[in-house]
Amino acid sequence: MRRATGRIGINTGVALVGTVAGTDHTAMGDVVNTASRLQTLAPPGGVLVGETTHGLTESSITYESLGDLSAKGREASIPAW
């Protein structure tokens, strides 16, 4: 059996979506950057979600708080579940 090695970071908020200099569509903004940081911090095969996502889904999904995590390029820590 193969183990999952991918990582997922989920964050909820406002993002700018469009094309940049004729490239394919892309999403930009702090919410996207935070999701990327969460993905990097997630364990192999794991999923981390940000504060807003947690707040919107906690009645439907059981979470384990990981507390505030330090992320590259961020002054403030990121609450993660």
PDB file of N, CA and C in Angstrom:
ATOM      1  N   MET A   1       0.838  -1.170   0.000  1.00  0.00           N
ATOM      2  CA  MET A   1       0.000   0.000   0.000  1.00  0.00           C
ATOM      3  C   MET A   1       0.892   1.246   0.000  1.00  0.00           C
ATOM      4  N   ARG A   2       0.562   2.212  -0.836  1.00  0.00           N
ATOM      5  CA  ARG A   2       1.313   3.458  -0.917  1.00  0.00           C
ATOM      6  C   ARG A   2       0.815   4.462   0.095  1.00  0.00           C
ATOM      7  N   ARG A   3       1.737   5.149   0.739  1.00  0.00           N
ATOM      8  CA  ARG A   3       1.360   6.197   1.684  1.00  0.00           C
ATOM      9  C   ARG A   3       1.204   7.522   0.950  1.00  0.00           C
ATOM     10  N   ALA A   4       0.231   8.316   1.391  1.00  0.00           N
ATOM     11  CA  ALA A   4       0.042   9.641   0.808  1.00  0.00           C
ATOM     12  C   ALA A   4       1.177  10.553   1.256  1.00  0.00           C
ATOM     13  N   THR A   5       1.747  11.274   0.322  1.00  0.00           N
ATOM     14  CA  THR A   5       2.836  12.181   0.667  1.00  0.00           C
ATOM     15  C   THR A   5       2.487  13.633   0.371  1.00  0.00           C
ATOM     16  N   GLY A   6       1.350  13.863  -0.270  1.00  0.00           N
ATOM     17  CA  GLY A   6       0.939  15.231  -0.575  1.00  0.00           C
ATOM     18  C   GLY A   6       0.539  15.980   0.697  1.00  0.00           C
ATOM     19  N   ARG A   7       0.520  17.273   0.610  1.00  0.00           N
ATOM     20  CA  ARG A   7       0.130  18.130   1.728  1.00  0.00           C
ATOM     21  C   ARG A   7      -0.916  19.109   1.219  1.00  0.00           C
ATOM     22  N   ILE A   8      -1.878  19.452   2.087  1.00  0.00           N
ATOM     23  CA  ILE A   8      -2.940  20.368   1.687  1.00  0.00           C
ATOM     24  C   ILE A   8      -3.054  21.479   2.713  1.00  0.00           C
ATOM     25  N   GLY A   9      -3.172  22.718   2.227  1.00  0.00           N
ATOM     26  CA  GLY A   9      -3.435  23.880   3.067  1.00  0.00           C
ATOM     27  C   GLY A   9      -4.700  24.551   2.573  1.00  0.00           C
ATOM     28  N   ILE A  10      -5.642  24.798   3.469  1.00  0.00           N
ATOM     29  CA  ILE A  10      -6.923  25.402   3.094  1.00  0.00           C
ATOM     30  C   ILE A  10      -7.116  26.678   3.898  1.00  0.00           C
ATOM     31  N   ASN A  11      -7.464  27.749   3.201  1.00  0.00           N
ATOM     32  CA  ASN A  11      -7.715  29.021   3.846  1.00  0.00           C
ATOM     33  C   ASN A  11      -8.891  29.686   3.143  1.00  0.00           C
ATOM     34  N   THR A  12      -9.663  30.470   3.875  1.00  0.00           N
ATOM     35  CA  THR A  12     -10.860  31.097   3.336  1.00  0.00           C
ATOM     36  C   THR A  12     -10.730  32.611   3.416  1.00  0.00           C
ATOM     37  N   GLY A  13     -11.105  33.290   2.330  1.00  0.00           N
ATOM     38  CA  GLY A  13     -11.061  34.745   2.323  1.00  0.00           C
ATOM     39  C   GLY A  13     -11.158  35.283   0.913  1.00  0.00           C
ATOM     40  N   VAL A  14     -10.808  36.544   0.770  1.00  0.00           N
ATOM     41  CA  VAL A  14     -10.894  37.234  -0.512  1.00  0.00           C
ATOM     42  C   VAL A  14      -9.571  37.106  -1.253  1.00  0.00           C
ATOM     43  N   ALA A  15      -9.662  36.756  -2.530  1.00  0.00           N
ATOM     44  CA  ALA A  15      -8.469  36.633  -3.369  1.00  0.00           C
ATOM     45  C   ALA A  15      -8.739  37.304  -4.710  1.00  0.00           C
ATOM     46  N   LEU A  16      -7.691  37.764  -5.338  1.00  0.00           N
ATOM     47  CA  LEU A  16      -7.778  38.320  -6.674  1.00  0.00           C
ATOM     48  C   LEU A  16      -7.451  37.198  -7.649  1.00  0.00           C
ATOM     49  N   VAL A  17      -8.354  36.965  -8.600  1.00  0.00           N
ATOM     50  CA  VAL A  17      -8.152  35.897  -9.575  1.00  0.00           C
ATOM     51  C   VAL A  17      -8.184  36.509 -10.969  1.00  0.00           C
ATOM     52  N   GLY A  18      -7.200  36.145 -11.770  1.00  0.00           N
ATOM     53  CA  GLY A  18      -7.146  36.677 -13.129  1.00  0.00           C
ATOM     54  C   GLY A  18      -5.902  36.203 -13.836  1.00  0.00           C
ATOM     55  N   THR A  19      -5.572  36.881 -14.937  1.00  0.00           N
ATOM     56  CA  THR A  19      -4.361  36.543 -15.672  1.00  0.00           C
ATOM     57  C   THR A  19      -3.313  37.618 -15.405  1.00  0.00           C
ATOM     58  N   VAL A  20      -2.067  37.191 -15.362  1.00  0.00           N
ATOM     59  CA  VAL A  20      -0.959  38.107 -15.144  1.00  0.00           C
ATOM     60  C   VAL A  20      -0.023  37.995 -16.336  1.00  0.00           C
ATOM     61  N   ALA A  21       0.169  39.093 -17.030  1.00  0.00           N
ATOM     62  CA  ALA A  21       1.085  39.145 -18.172  1.00  0.00           C
ATOM     63  C   ALA A  21       0.838  38.015 -19.174  1.00  0.00           C
ATOM     64  N   GLY A  22      -0.443  37.754 -19.463  1.00  0.00           N
ATOM     65  CA  GLY A  22      -0.784  36.759 -20.462  1.00  0.00           C
ATOM     66  C   GLY A  22      -0.640  35.308 -20.022  1.00  0.00           C
ATOM     67  N   THR A  23      -0.393  35.061 -18.734  1.00  0.00           N
ATOM     68  CA  THR A  23      -0.256  33.685 -18.250  1.00  0.00           C
ATOM     69  C   THR A  23      -1.629  33.067 -18.025  1.00  0.00           C
ATOM     70  N   ASP A  24      -1.631  31.824 -17.621  1.00  0.00           N
ATOM     71  CA  ASP A  24      -2.887  31.177 -17.244  1.00  0.00           C
ATOM     72  C   ASP A  24      -3.469  31.884 -16.034  1.00  0.00           C
ATOM     73  N   HIS A  25      -4.709  31.555 -15.710  1.00  0.00           N
ATOM     74  CA  HIS A  25      -5.352  32.157 -14.552  1.00  0.00           C
ATOM     75  C   HIS A  25      -4.563  31.841 -13.281  1.00  0.00           C
ATOM     76  N   THR A  26      -4.555  32.797 -12.393  1.00  0.00           N
ATOM     77  CA  THR A  26      -3.863  32.617 -11.123  1.00  0.00           C
ATOM     78  C   THR A  26      -4.663  33.308 -10.023  1.00  0.00           C
ATOM     79  N   ALA A  27      -4.431  32.903  -8.786  1.00  0.00           N
ATOM     80  CA  ALA A  27      -5.059  33.539  -7.632  1.00  0.00           C
ATOM     81  C   ALA A  27      -3.972  34.195  -6.801  1.00  0.00           C
ATOM     82  N   MET A  28      -4.269  35.394  -6.305  1.00  0.00           N
ATOM     83  CA  MET A  28      -3.277  36.153  -5.537  1.00  0.00           C
ATOM     84  C   MET A  28      -3.924  36.763  -4.306  1.00  0.00           C
ATOM     85  N   GLY A  29      -3.104  37.068  -3.330  1.00  0.00           N
ATOM     86  CA  GLY A  29      -3.564  37.758  -2.139  1.00  0.00           C
ATOM     87  C   GLY A  29      -3.105  37.050  -0.877  1.00  0.00           C
ATOM     88  N   ASP A  30      -3.326  37.711   0.265  1.00  0.00           N
ATOM     89  CA  ASP A  30      -2.883  37.162   1.537  1.00  0.00           C
ATOM     90  C   ASP A  30      -3.525  35.808   1.832  1.00  0.00           C
ATOM     91  N   VAL A  31      -4.795  35.641   1.475  1.00  0.00           N
ATOM     92  CA  VAL A  31      -5.474  34.374   1.747  1.00  0.00           C
ATOM     93  C   VAL A  31      -4.799  33.225   0.995  1.00  0.00           C
ATOM     94  N   VAL A  32      -4.333  33.487  -0.218  1.00  0.00           N
ATOM     95  CA  VAL A  32      -3.646  32.469  -1.026  1.00  0.00           C
ATOM     96  C   VAL A  32      -2.269  32.184  -0.430  1.00  0.00           C
ATOM     97  N   ASN A  33      -1.553  33.239  -0.054  1.00  0.00           N
ATOM     98  CA  ASN A  33      -0.234  33.064   0.550  1.00  0.00           C
ATOM     99  C   ASN A  33      -0.319  32.277   1.856  1.00  0.00           C
ATOM    100  N   THR A  34      -1.337  32.569   2.662  1.00  0.00           N
ATOM    101  CA  THR A  34      -1.509  31.841   3.925  1.00  0.00           C
ATOM    102  C   THR A  34      -1.820  30.371   3.661  1.00  0.00           C
ATOM    103  N   ALA A  35      -2.658  30.078   2.678  1.00  0.00           N
ATOM    104  CA  ALA A  35      -2.952  28.679   2.326  1.00  0.00           C
ATOM    105  C   ALA A  35      -1.680  27.964   1.898  1.00  0.00           C
ATOM    106  N   SER A  36      -0.832  28.655   1.157  1.00  0.00           N
ATOM    107  CA  SER A  36       0.432  28.068   0.728  1.00  0.00           C
ATOM    108  C   SER A  36       1.331  27.763   1.926  1.00  0.00           C
ATOM    109  N   ARG A  37       1.375  28.679   2.888  1.00  0.00           N
ATOM    110  CA  ARG A  37       2.176  28.448   4.098  1.00  0.00           C
ATOM    111  C   ARG A  37       1.621  27.275   4.901  1.00  0.00           C
ATOM    112  N   LEU A  38       0.301  27.186   4.992  1.00  0.00           N
ATOM    113  CA  LEU A  38      -0.319  26.056   5.697  1.00  0.00           C
ATOM    114  C   LEU A  38       0.030  24.743   5.010  1.00  0.00           C
ATOM    115  N   GLN A  39       0.005  24.733   3.685  1.00  0.00           N
ATOM    116  CA  GLN A  39       0.356  23.526   2.937  1.00  0.00           C
ATOM    117  C   GLN A  39       1.786  23.108   3.253  1.00  0.00           C
ATOM    118  N   THR A  40       2.684  24.064   3.282  1.00  0.00           N
ATOM    119  CA  THR A  40       4.090  23.773   3.572  1.00  0.00           C
ATOM    120  C   THR A  40       4.259  23.202   4.977  1.00  0.00           C
ATOM    121  N   LEU A  41       3.472  23.694   5.929  1.00  0.00           N
ATOM    122  CA  LEU A  41       3.585  23.254   7.324  1.00  0.00           C
ATOM    123  C   LEU A  41       2.858  21.935   7.608  1.00  0.00           C
ATOM    124  N   ALA A  42       1.962  21.523   6.713  1.00  0.00           N
ATOM    125  CA  ALA A  42       1.205  20.283   6.918  1.00  0.00           C
ATOM    126  C   ALA A  42       2.133  19.073   6.858  1.00  0.00           C
ATOM    127  N   PRO A  43       1.830  18.054   7.654  1.00  0.00           N
ATOM    128  CA  PRO A  43       2.635  16.828   7.582  1.00  0.00           C
ATOM    129  C   PRO A  43       2.329  16.081   6.285  1.00  0.00           C
ATOM    130  N   PRO A  44       3.233  15.213   5.836  1.00  0.00           N
ATOM    131  CA  PRO A  44       2.951  14.423   4.632  1.00  0.00           C
ATOM    132  C   PRO A  44       1.606  13.693   4.764  1.00  0.00           C
ATOM    133  N   GLY A  45       0.756  13.834   3.772  1.00  0.00           N
ATOM    134  CA  GLY A  45      -0.557  13.215   3.794  1.00  0.00           C
ATOM    135  C   GLY A  45      -1.561  13.974   4.647  1.00  0.00           C
ATOM    136  N   GLY A  46      -1.169  15.145   5.174  1.00  0.00           N
ATOM    137  CA  GLY A  46      -2.023  15.889   6.094  1.00  0.00           C
ATOM    138  C   GLY A  46      -2.669  17.113   5.477  1.00  0.00           C
ATOM    139  N   VAL A  47      -3.629  17.654   6.213  1.00  0.00           N
ATOM    140  CA  VAL A  47      -4.368  18.844   5.808  1.00  0.00           C
ATOM    141  C   VAL A  47      -4.343  19.825   6.966  1.00  0.00           C
ATOM    142  N   LEU A  48      -3.993  21.071   6.703  1.00  0.00           N
ATOM    143  CA  LEU A  48      -4.094  22.134   7.701  1.00  0.00           C
ATOM    144  C   LEU A  48      -5.066  23.180   7.190  1.00  0.00           C
ATOM    145  N   VAL A  49      -5.884  23.714   8.087  1.00  0.00           N
ATOM    146  CA  VAL A  49      -6.813  24.777   7.712  1.00  0.00           C
ATOM    147  C   VAL A  49      -6.553  26.004   8.570  1.00  0.00           C
ATOM    148  N   GLY A  50      -6.873  27.172   7.995  1.00  0.00           N
ATOM    149  CA  GLY A  50      -6.719  28.442   8.689  1.00  0.00           C
ATOM    150  C   GLY A  50      -7.915  28.756   9.572  1.00  0.00           C
ATOM    151  N   GLU A  51      -7.792  29.887  10.264  1.00  0.00           N
ATOM    152  CA  GLU A  51      -8.775  30.289  11.272  1.00  0.00           C
ATOM    153  C   GLU A  51     -10.185  30.481  10.717  1.00  0.00           C
ATOM    154  N   THR A  52     -10.332  31.177   9.603  1.00  0.00           N
ATOM    155  CA  THR A  52     -11.664  31.418   9.047  1.00  0.00           C
ATOM    156  C   THR A  52     -12.303  30.122   8.568  1.00  0.00           C
ATOM    157  N   THR A  53     -11.540  29.295   7.885  1.00  0.00           N
ATOM    158  CA  THR A  53     -12.051  28.000   7.421  1.00  0.00           C
ATOM    159  C   THR A  53     -12.507  27.164   8.609  1.00  0.00           C
ATOM    160  N   HIS A  54     -11.695  27.128   9.656  1.00  0.00           N
ATOM    161  CA  HIS A  54     -12.055  26.391  10.868  1.00  0.00           C
ATOM    162  C   HIS A  54     -13.370  26.905  11.441  1.00  0.00           C
ATOM    163  N   GLY A  55     -13.488  28.222  11.570  1.00  0.00           N
ATOM    164  CA  GLY A  55     -14.702  28.802  12.138  1.00  0.00           C
ATOM    165  C   GLY A  55     -15.955  28.491  11.342  1.00  0.00           C
ATOM    166  N   LEU A  56     -15.820  28.434  10.024  1.00  0.00           N
ATOM    167  CA  LEU A  56     -16.975  28.166   9.167  1.00  0.00           C
ATOM    168  C   LEU A  56     -17.363  26.695   9.106  1.00  0.00           C
ATOM    169  N   THR A  57     -16.463  25.793   9.471  1.00  0.00           N
ATOM    170  CA  THR A  57     -16.732  24.361   9.293  1.00  0.00           C
ATOM    171  C   THR A  57     -16.672  23.540  10.584  1.00  0.00           C
ATOM    172  N   GLU A  58     -16.356  24.170  11.715  1.00  0.00           N
ATOM    173  CA  GLU A  58     -16.152  23.397  12.930  1.00  0.00           C
ATOM    174  C   GLU A  58     -17.391  22.654  13.420  1.00  0.00           C
ATOM    175  N   SER A  59     -18.587  23.066  12.983  1.00  0.00           N
ATOM    176  CA  SER A  59     -19.785  22.335  13.386  1.00  0.00           C
ATOM    177  C   SER A  59     -19.962  21.049  12.572  1.00  0.00           C
ATOM    178  N   SER A  60     -19.223  20.915  11.474  1.00  0.00           N
ATOM    179  CA  SER A  60     -19.346  19.744  10.604  1.00  0.00           C
ATOM    180  C   SER A  60     -18.110  18.849  10.588  1.00  0.00           C
ATOM    181  N   ILE A  61     -16.972  19.393  10.997  1.00  0.00           N
ATOM    182  CA  ILE A  61     -15.703  18.667  10.927  1.00  0.00           C
ATOM    183  C   ILE A  61     -15.035  18.696  12.292  1.00  0.00           C
ATOM    184  N   THR A  62     -14.501  17.574  12.718  1.00  0.00           N
ATOM    185  CA  THR A  62     -13.762  17.513  13.971  1.00  0.00           C
ATOM    186  C   THR A  62     -12.309  17.878  13.707  1.00  0.00           C
ATOM    187  N   TYR A  63     -11.813  18.862  14.445  1.00  0.00           N
ATOM    188  CA  TYR A  63     -10.455  19.356  14.257  1.00  0.00           C
ATOM    189  C   TYR A  63      -9.612  19.151  15.507  1.00  0.00           C
ATOM    190  N   GLU A  64      -8.312  19.155  15.308  1.00  0.00           N
ATOM    191  CA  GLU A  64      -7.342  19.181  16.388  1.00  0.00           C
ATOM    192  C   GLU A  64      -6.544  20.464  16.214  1.00  0.00           C
ATOM    193  N   SER A  65      -6.551  21.312  17.234  1.00  0.00           N
ATOM    194  CA  SER A  65      -5.806  22.559  17.150  1.00  0.00           C
ATOM    195  C   SER A  65      -4.309  22.283  17.227  1.00  0.00           C
ATOM    196  N   LEU A  66      -3.559  22.914  16.349  1.00  0.00           N
ATOM    197  CA  LEU A  66      -2.102  22.826  16.399  1.00  0.00           C
ATOM    198  C   LEU A  66      -1.513  24.101  16.985  1.00  0.00           C
ATOM    199  N   GLY A  67      -2.386  25.008  17.417  1.00  0.00           N
ATOM    200  CA  GLY A  67      -1.923  26.264  17.986  1.00  0.00           C
ATOM    201  C   GLY A  67      -1.452  27.218  16.901  1.00  0.00           C
ATOM    202  N   ASP A  68      -0.634  28.174  17.300  1.00  0.00           N
ATOM    203  CA  ASP A  68      -0.104  29.158  16.357  1.00  0.00           C
ATOM    204  C   ASP A  68       1.224  28.661  15.811  1.00  0.00           C
ATOM    205  N   LEU A  69       1.328  28.609  14.493  1.00  0.00           N
ATOM    206  CA  LEU A  69       2.535  28.117  13.834  1.00  0.00           C
ATOM    207  C   LEU A  69       3.305  29.270  13.206  1.00  0.00           C
ATOM    208  N   SER A  70       4.610  29.205  13.276  1.00  0.00           N
ATOM    209  CA  SER A  70       5.468  30.191  12.618  1.00  0.00           C
ATOM    210  C   SER A  70       5.635  29.788  11.164  1.00  0.00           C
ATOM    211  N   ALA A  71       5.456  30.745  10.266  1.00  0.00           N
ATOM    212  CA  ALA A  71       5.570  30.461   8.840  1.00  0.00           C
ATOM    213  C   ALA A  71       6.565  31.408   8.193  1.00  0.00           C
ATOM    214  N   LYS A  72       7.306  30.880   7.251  1.00  0.00           N
ATOM    215  CA  LYS A  72       8.303  31.648   6.508  1.00  0.00           C
ATOM    216  C   LYS A  72       7.657  32.887   5.874  1.00  0.00           C
ATOM    217  N   GLY A  73       8.310  34.033   6.043  1.00  0.00           N
ATOM    218  CA  GLY A  73       7.843  35.254   5.421  1.00  0.00           C
ATOM    219  C   GLY A  73       6.685  35.934   6.118  1.00  0.00           C
ATOM    220  N   ARG A  74       6.277  35.435   7.278  1.00  0.00           N
ATOM    221  CA  ARG A  74       5.145  36.010   8.014  1.00  0.00           C
ATOM    222  C   ARG A  74       5.635  36.529   9.355  1.00  0.00           C
ATOM    223  N   GLU A  75       5.266  37.771   9.686  1.00  0.00           N
ATOM    224  CA  GLU A  75       5.635  38.322  10.989  1.00  0.00           C
ATOM    225  C   GLU A  75       4.816  37.675  12.096  1.00  0.00           C
ATOM    226  N   ALA A  76       3.520  37.563  11.863  1.00  0.00           N
ATOM    227  CA  ALA A  76       2.632  36.962  12.861  1.00  0.00           C
ATOM    228  C   ALA A  76       2.498  35.463  12.620  1.00  0.00           C
ATOM    229  N   SER A  77       2.285  34.734  13.704  1.00  0.00           N
ATOM    230  CA  SER A  77       2.059  33.301  13.566  1.00  0.00           C
ATOM    231  C   SER A  77       0.676  33.034  12.980  1.00  0.00           C
ATOM    232  N   ILE A  78       0.480  31.824  12.499  1.00  0.00           N
ATOM    233  CA  ILE A  78      -0.769  31.422  11.858  1.00  0.00           C
ATOM    234  C   ILE A  78      -1.478  30.385  12.723  1.00  0.00           C
ATOM    235  N   PRO A  79      -2.709  30.671  13.216  1.00  0.00           N
ATOM    236  CA  PRO A  79      -3.447  29.635  13.922  1.00  0.00           C
ATOM    237  C   PRO A  79      -3.822  28.528  12.928  1.00  0.00           C
ATOM    238  N   ALA A  80      -3.616  27.281  13.329  1.00  0.00           N
ATOM    239  CA  ALA A  80      -3.875  26.175  12.391  1.00  0.00           C
ATOM    240  C   ALA A  80      -4.557  25.018  13.096  1.00  0.00           C
ATOM    241  N   TRP A  81      -5.400  24.325  12.326  1.00  0.00           N
ATOM    242  CA  TRP A  81      -6.103  23.129  12.794  1.00  0.00           C
ATOM    243  C   TRP A  81      -5.880  22.020  11.788  1.00  0.00           C
TER     244      TRP A  81
END
